[in-house]
Amino acid sequence: MRLASLVGSVEEKAFNSAVGRLIRETRTRSGLTQELLGRRAGLSRGSITNIEASTQTPPLYRLARIAAVLNVRPAELLPSLLPEEVVGIPARHVADVASVWSEAGKLKDAHGQG
């Protein structure tokens, strides 16, 4: 395995771990169980457990559903990335993050919420 691949993999794991942590923290603040969040988002409790443990990464559609159930913008479930941090992330992840930010902006504009 090349060093660049290894570094990208570590950064991806850290990013996914942060997503799981943010989902868990938001769910806990909302007073929802993993079971209830899963049911409302169309997922199993096991999937929510795996997402929070960062052993499963939710597709963007599921992340948006989880955010809707938690009554937050999808972007609030993503760790903040500074422009200089994006340089080391594989292009496919940069596009995913940009897509979620874009959709969050559209939702904010459509619903007048921030």
N, C-alpha and C. Protein backbone atom coordinates (compact mmCIF):
# COMPACT_ATOMS: atom_id res chain seq x y z
N MET A 1 0.85 -1.18 0.00
CA MET A 1 0.00 0.00 0.00
C MET A 1 0.89 1.23 0.00
N ARG A 2 0.59 2.17 -0.88
CA ARG A 2 1.37 3.39 -0.94
C ARG A 2 1.06 4.27 0.25
N LEU A 3 2.02 5.11 0.63
CA LEU A 3 1.87 6.00 1.78
C LEU A 3 0.68 6.93 1.58
N ALA A 4 0.49 7.45 0.38
CA ALA A 4 -0.63 8.36 0.12
C ALA A 4 -1.96 7.67 0.38
N SER A 5 -2.07 6.40 0.00
CA SER A 5 -3.31 5.64 0.25
C SER A 5 -3.52 5.46 1.73
N LEU A 6 -2.46 5.16 2.45
CA LEU A 6 -2.55 4.95 3.88
C LEU A 6 -2.97 6.23 4.59
N VAL A 7 -2.39 7.35 4.22
CA VAL A 7 -2.75 8.63 4.83
C VAL A 7 -4.20 8.95 4.54
N GLY A 8 -4.65 8.77 3.29
CA GLY A 8 -6.04 9.02 2.93
C GLY A 8 -6.98 8.15 3.74
N SER A 9 -6.61 6.90 3.96
CA SER A 9 -7.43 5.96 4.71
C SER A 9 -7.56 6.40 6.16
N VAL A 10 -6.46 6.85 6.77
CA VAL A 10 -6.49 7.32 8.15
C VAL A 10 -7.38 8.55 8.26
N GLU A 11 -7.24 9.49 7.34
CA GLU A 11 -8.06 10.69 7.37
C GLU A 11 -9.53 10.35 7.17
N GLU A 12 -9.82 9.40 6.31
CA GLU A 12 -11.20 8.99 6.07
C GLU A 12 -11.78 8.36 7.33
N LYS A 13 -11.00 7.53 8.01
CA LYS A 13 -11.47 6.91 9.25
C LYS A 13 -11.75 7.96 10.31
N ALA A 14 -10.87 8.94 10.43
CA ALA A 14 -11.07 10.01 11.41
C ALA A 14 -12.32 10.82 11.07
N PHE A 15 -12.53 11.09 9.79
CA PHE A 15 -13.71 11.83 9.35
C PHE A 15 -14.98 11.04 9.70
N ASN A 16 -15.00 9.74 9.35
CA ASN A 16 -16.17 8.90 9.62
C ASN A 16 -16.41 8.76 11.12
N SER A 17 -15.34 8.70 11.89
CA SER A 17 -15.46 8.63 13.34
C SER A 17 -16.11 9.90 13.89
N ALA A 18 -15.71 11.04 13.35
CA ALA A 18 -16.28 12.31 13.78
C ALA A 18 -17.77 12.39 13.40
N VAL A 19 -18.14 11.89 12.22
CA VAL A 19 -19.55 11.86 11.81
C VAL A 19 -20.35 11.02 12.80
N GLY A 20 -19.85 9.85 13.13
CA GLY A 20 -20.54 8.98 14.08
C GLY A 20 -20.70 9.64 15.44
N ARG A 21 -19.64 10.30 15.89
CA ARG A 21 -19.69 10.99 17.18
C ARG A 21 -20.73 12.12 17.17
N LEU A 22 -20.77 12.88 16.08
CA LEU A 22 -21.73 13.98 15.98
C LEU A 22 -23.17 13.47 15.94
N ILE A 23 -23.39 12.37 15.25
CA ILE A 23 -24.73 11.78 15.21
C ILE A 23 -25.13 11.32 16.62
N ARG A 24 -24.22 10.62 17.30
CA ARG A 24 -24.51 10.13 18.65
C ARG A 24 -24.80 11.29 19.61
N GLU A 25 -23.96 12.34 19.57
CA GLU A 25 -24.15 13.48 20.46
C GLU A 25 -25.49 14.18 20.18
N THR A 26 -25.81 14.34 18.91
CA THR A 26 -27.06 15.01 18.54
C THR A 26 -28.26 14.15 18.93
N ARG A 27 -28.16 12.85 18.70
CA ARG A 27 -29.24 11.93 19.07
C ARG A 27 -29.47 11.96 20.58
N THR A 28 -28.39 11.94 21.34
CA THR A 28 -28.50 11.95 22.79
C THR A 28 -29.14 13.24 23.28
N ARG A 29 -28.70 14.38 22.73
CA ARG A 29 -29.31 15.68 23.10
C ARG A 29 -30.79 15.71 22.74
N SER A 30 -31.16 15.02 21.67
CA SER A 30 -32.56 14.99 21.23
C SER A 30 -33.41 14.04 22.07
N GLY A 31 -32.76 13.24 22.90
CA GLY A 31 -33.48 12.30 23.74
C GLY A 31 -34.01 11.08 23.01
N LEU A 32 -33.43 10.78 21.86
CA LEU A 32 -33.87 9.62 21.08
C LEU A 32 -32.97 8.42 21.35
N THR A 33 -33.57 7.25 21.35
CA THR A 33 -32.78 6.02 21.42
C THR A 33 -32.29 5.68 20.01
N GLN A 34 -31.31 4.80 19.93
CA GLN A 34 -30.86 4.33 18.62
C GLN A 34 -32.01 3.66 17.88
N GLU A 35 -32.82 2.91 18.61
CA GLU A 35 -33.97 2.22 18.02
C GLU A 35 -34.94 3.21 17.38
N LEU A 36 -35.29 4.26 18.11
CA LEU A 36 -36.26 5.23 17.60
C LEU A 36 -35.69 6.03 16.43
N LEU A 37 -34.44 6.46 16.54
CA LEU A 37 -33.81 7.17 15.43
C LEU A 37 -33.79 6.29 14.19
N GLY A 38 -33.39 5.04 14.37
CA GLY A 38 -33.35 4.11 13.24
C GLY A 38 -34.71 3.94 12.60
N ARG A 39 -35.71 3.71 13.42
CA ARG A 39 -37.06 3.50 12.89
C ARG A 39 -37.53 4.72 12.10
N ARG A 40 -37.33 5.91 12.65
CA ARG A 40 -37.78 7.13 11.98
C ARG A 40 -36.98 7.45 10.72
N ALA A 41 -35.72 7.02 10.68
CA ALA A 41 -34.87 7.29 9.52
C ALA A 41 -34.89 6.15 8.51
N GLY A 42 -35.64 5.09 8.80
CA GLY A 42 -35.71 3.96 7.89
C GLY A 42 -34.52 3.03 7.97
N LEU A 43 -33.89 2.99 9.14
CA LEU A 43 -32.73 2.13 9.36
C LEU A 43 -32.98 1.24 10.58
N SER A 44 -32.16 0.23 10.73
CA SER A 44 -32.26 -0.62 11.92
C SER A 44 -31.46 0.02 13.06
N ARG A 45 -31.75 -0.44 14.27
CA ARG A 45 -30.97 0.03 15.42
C ARG A 45 -29.51 -0.36 15.23
N GLY A 46 -29.29 -1.55 14.68
CA GLY A 46 -27.92 -2.00 14.41
C GLY A 46 -27.17 -1.08 13.47
N SER A 47 -27.86 -0.56 12.46
CA SER A 47 -27.21 0.38 11.54
C SER A 47 -26.82 1.66 12.26
N ILE A 48 -27.71 2.16 13.10
CA ILE A 48 -27.40 3.38 13.86
C ILE A 48 -26.21 3.11 14.78
N THR A 49 -26.20 1.96 15.44
CA THR A 49 -25.07 1.59 16.30
C THR A 49 -23.78 1.58 15.49
N ASN A 50 -23.80 0.96 14.32
CA ASN A 50 -22.61 0.88 13.47
C ASN A 50 -22.17 2.25 12.96
N ILE A 51 -23.12 3.09 12.60
CA ILE A 51 -22.79 4.44 12.12
C ILE A 51 -22.13 5.23 13.25
N GLU A 52 -22.72 5.15 14.44
CA GLU A 52 -22.16 5.89 15.58
C GLU A 52 -20.78 5.36 15.96
N ALA A 53 -20.54 4.08 15.73
CA ALA A 53 -19.24 3.46 16.03
C ALA A 53 -18.25 3.62 14.87
N SER A 54 -18.70 4.21 13.79
CA SER A 54 -17.95 4.45 12.55
C SER A 54 -17.50 3.17 11.86
N THR A 55 -18.24 2.08 12.06
CA THR A 55 -17.96 0.86 11.32
C THR A 55 -18.83 0.77 10.07
N GLN A 56 -19.77 1.70 9.95
CA GLN A 56 -20.64 1.80 8.76
C GLN A 56 -20.76 3.28 8.44
N THR A 57 -20.64 3.62 7.17
CA THR A 57 -20.75 5.01 6.74
C THR A 57 -22.09 5.19 6.03
N PRO A 58 -22.91 6.14 6.50
CA PRO A 58 -24.20 6.32 5.84
C PRO A 58 -24.05 7.02 4.50
N PRO A 59 -24.78 6.55 3.48
CA PRO A 59 -24.80 7.31 2.23
C PRO A 59 -25.42 8.68 2.49
N LEU A 60 -25.17 9.61 1.61
CA LEU A 60 -25.67 10.98 1.80
C LEU A 60 -27.18 11.03 2.03
N TYR A 61 -27.92 10.22 1.30
CA TYR A 61 -29.38 10.21 1.45
C TYR A 61 -29.76 9.83 2.88
N ARG A 62 -29.11 8.81 3.42
CA ARG A 62 -29.40 8.37 4.80
C ARG A 62 -28.95 9.41 5.81
N LEU A 63 -27.81 10.04 5.55
CA LEU A 63 -27.34 11.10 6.44
C LEU A 63 -28.37 12.23 6.49
N ALA A 64 -28.92 12.59 5.33
CA ALA A 64 -29.95 13.63 5.28
C ALA A 64 -31.20 13.20 6.04
N ARG A 65 -31.58 11.93 5.93
CA ARG A 65 -32.76 11.42 6.67
C ARG A 65 -32.50 11.45 8.18
N ILE A 66 -31.31 11.04 8.58
CA ILE A 66 -30.96 11.07 10.01
C ILE A 66 -31.02 12.51 10.51
N ALA A 67 -30.47 13.44 9.75
CA ALA A 67 -30.50 14.86 10.14
C ALA A 67 -31.93 15.36 10.27
N ALA A 68 -32.79 14.98 9.34
CA ALA A 68 -34.19 15.42 9.39
C ALA A 68 -34.87 14.91 10.66
N VAL A 69 -34.63 13.65 11.00
CA VAL A 69 -35.22 13.08 12.22
C VAL A 69 -34.69 13.82 13.45
N LEU A 70 -33.41 14.18 13.43
CA LEU A 70 -32.80 14.88 14.56
C LEU A 70 -33.08 16.38 14.54
N ASN A 71 -33.77 16.83 13.50
CA ASN A 71 -34.15 18.24 13.36
C ASN A 71 -32.93 19.17 13.30
N VAL A 72 -31.92 18.72 12.54
CA VAL A 72 -30.73 19.54 12.30
C VAL A 72 -30.43 19.53 10.81
N ARG A 73 -29.59 20.44 10.38
CA ARG A 73 -29.14 20.44 9.00
C ARG A 73 -28.12 19.30 8.81
N PRO A 74 -28.11 18.66 7.65
CA PRO A 74 -27.12 17.59 7.43
C PRO A 74 -25.69 18.05 7.72
N ALA A 75 -25.38 19.28 7.42
CA ALA A 75 -24.03 19.79 7.65
C ALA A 75 -23.65 19.77 9.12
N GLU A 76 -24.63 19.81 10.01
CA GLU A 76 -24.33 19.78 11.44
C GLU A 76 -23.85 18.41 11.90
N LEU A 77 -24.01 17.42 11.05
CA LEU A 77 -23.55 16.07 11.37
C LEU A 77 -22.20 15.76 10.73
N LEU A 78 -21.60 16.77 10.12
CA LEU A 78 -20.30 16.63 9.48
C LEU A 78 -19.27 17.47 10.22
N PRO A 79 -18.06 16.93 10.39
CA PRO A 79 -17.02 17.75 11.02
C PRO A 79 -16.64 18.90 10.09
N SER A 80 -16.27 20.01 10.68
CA SER A 80 -15.83 21.16 9.89
C SER A 80 -14.49 20.86 9.25
N LEU A 81 -14.35 21.25 8.01
CA LEU A 81 -13.08 21.11 7.31
C LEU A 81 -12.63 22.48 6.84
N LEU A 82 -11.40 22.80 7.16
CA LEU A 82 -10.82 24.04 6.67
C LEU A 82 -10.28 23.77 5.27
N PRO A 83 -10.22 24.80 4.43
CA PRO A 83 -9.72 24.58 3.05
C PRO A 83 -8.40 23.82 3.00
N GLU A 84 -7.49 24.12 3.92
CA GLU A 84 -6.19 23.44 3.88
C GLU A 84 -6.31 21.97 4.28
N GLU A 85 -7.37 21.61 5.01
CA GLU A 85 -7.57 20.21 5.38
C GLU A 85 -8.15 19.41 4.22
N VAL A 86 -8.86 20.04 3.34
CA VAL A 86 -9.50 19.36 2.23
C VAL A 86 -8.47 18.85 1.23
N VAL A 87 -7.32 19.47 1.18
CA VAL A 87 -6.29 19.10 0.22
C VAL A 87 -5.94 17.62 0.32
N GLY A 88 -5.87 17.07 1.52
CA GLY A 88 -5.46 15.68 1.68
C GLY A 88 -6.59 14.67 1.56
N ILE A 89 -7.82 15.11 1.41
CA ILE A 89 -8.96 14.20 1.33
C ILE A 89 -9.16 13.78 -0.11
N PRO A 90 -9.44 12.50 -0.34
CA PRO A 90 -9.69 12.05 -1.71
C PRO A 90 -10.82 12.86 -2.35
N ALA A 91 -10.69 13.12 -3.61
CA ALA A 91 -11.65 13.98 -4.33
C ALA A 91 -13.09 13.51 -4.16
N ARG A 92 -13.32 12.20 -4.09
CA ARG A 92 -14.70 11.72 -3.97
C ARG A 92 -15.32 12.16 -2.65
N HIS A 93 -14.54 12.34 -1.60
CA HIS A 93 -15.08 12.79 -0.32
C HIS A 93 -15.30 14.30 -0.32
N VAL A 94 -14.43 15.02 -0.97
CA VAL A 94 -14.60 16.47 -1.07
C VAL A 94 -15.92 16.76 -1.77
N ALA A 95 -16.21 16.03 -2.84
CA ALA A 95 -17.47 16.22 -3.57
C ALA A 95 -18.66 15.88 -2.69
N ASP A 96 -18.55 14.83 -1.88
CA ASP A 96 -19.64 14.47 -0.97
C ASP A 96 -19.91 15.58 0.04
N VAL A 97 -18.85 16.09 0.64
CA VAL A 97 -19.00 17.16 1.63
C VAL A 97 -19.61 18.39 0.96
N ALA A 98 -19.13 18.75 -0.21
CA ALA A 98 -19.67 19.90 -0.92
C ALA A 98 -21.14 19.70 -1.25
N SER A 99 -21.51 18.48 -1.63
CA SER A 99 -22.89 18.18 -1.96
C SER A 99 -23.80 18.34 -0.75
N VAL A 100 -23.36 17.84 0.41
CA VAL A 100 -24.17 17.97 1.62
C VAL A 100 -24.30 19.44 2.01
N TRP A 101 -23.22 20.20 1.93
CA TRP A 101 -23.29 21.63 2.25
C TRP A 101 -24.26 22.33 1.31
N SER A 102 -24.22 21.97 0.04
CA SER A 102 -25.11 22.58 -0.94
C SER A 102 -26.57 22.28 -0.63
N GLU A 103 -26.86 21.01 -0.33
CA GLU A 103 -28.23 20.62 0.00
C GLU A 103 -28.70 21.29 1.29
N ALA A 104 -27.80 21.41 2.26
CA ALA A 104 -28.16 22.08 3.51
C ALA A 104 -28.51 23.54 3.24
N GLY A 105 -27.76 24.18 2.36
CA GLY A 105 -28.06 25.57 2.01
C GLY A 105 -29.41 25.71 1.33
N LYS A 106 -29.73 24.75 0.45
CA LYS A 106 -31.03 24.78 -0.23
C LYS A 106 -32.16 24.60 0.77
N LEU A 107 -31.99 23.66 1.70
CA LEU A 107 -33.01 23.44 2.73
C LEU A 107 -33.20 24.67 3.59
N LYS A 108 -32.08 25.30 3.95
CA LYS A 108 -32.14 26.51 4.77
C LYS A 108 -32.91 27.60 4.02
N ASP A 109 -32.58 27.79 2.76
CA ASP A 109 -33.27 28.82 1.96
C ASP A 109 -34.75 28.51 1.78
N ALA A 110 -35.06 27.25 1.58
CA ALA A 110 -36.45 26.86 1.33
C ALA A 110 -37.31 26.94 2.58
N HIS A 111 -36.70 26.69 3.74
CA HIS A 111 -37.47 26.65 4.97
C HIS A 111 -37.18 27.82 5.90
N GLY A 112 -36.24 28.69 5.51
CA GLY A 112 -35.95 29.84 6.31
C GLY A 112 -35.34 29.51 7.66
N GLN A 113 -34.72 28.34 7.76
CA GLN A 113 -34.11 27.94 9.03
C GLN A 113 -32.61 27.92 8.87
N GLY A 114 -31.90 28.13 9.96
CA GLY A 114 -30.45 28.14 9.89
C GLY A 114 -29.80 27.12 10.72
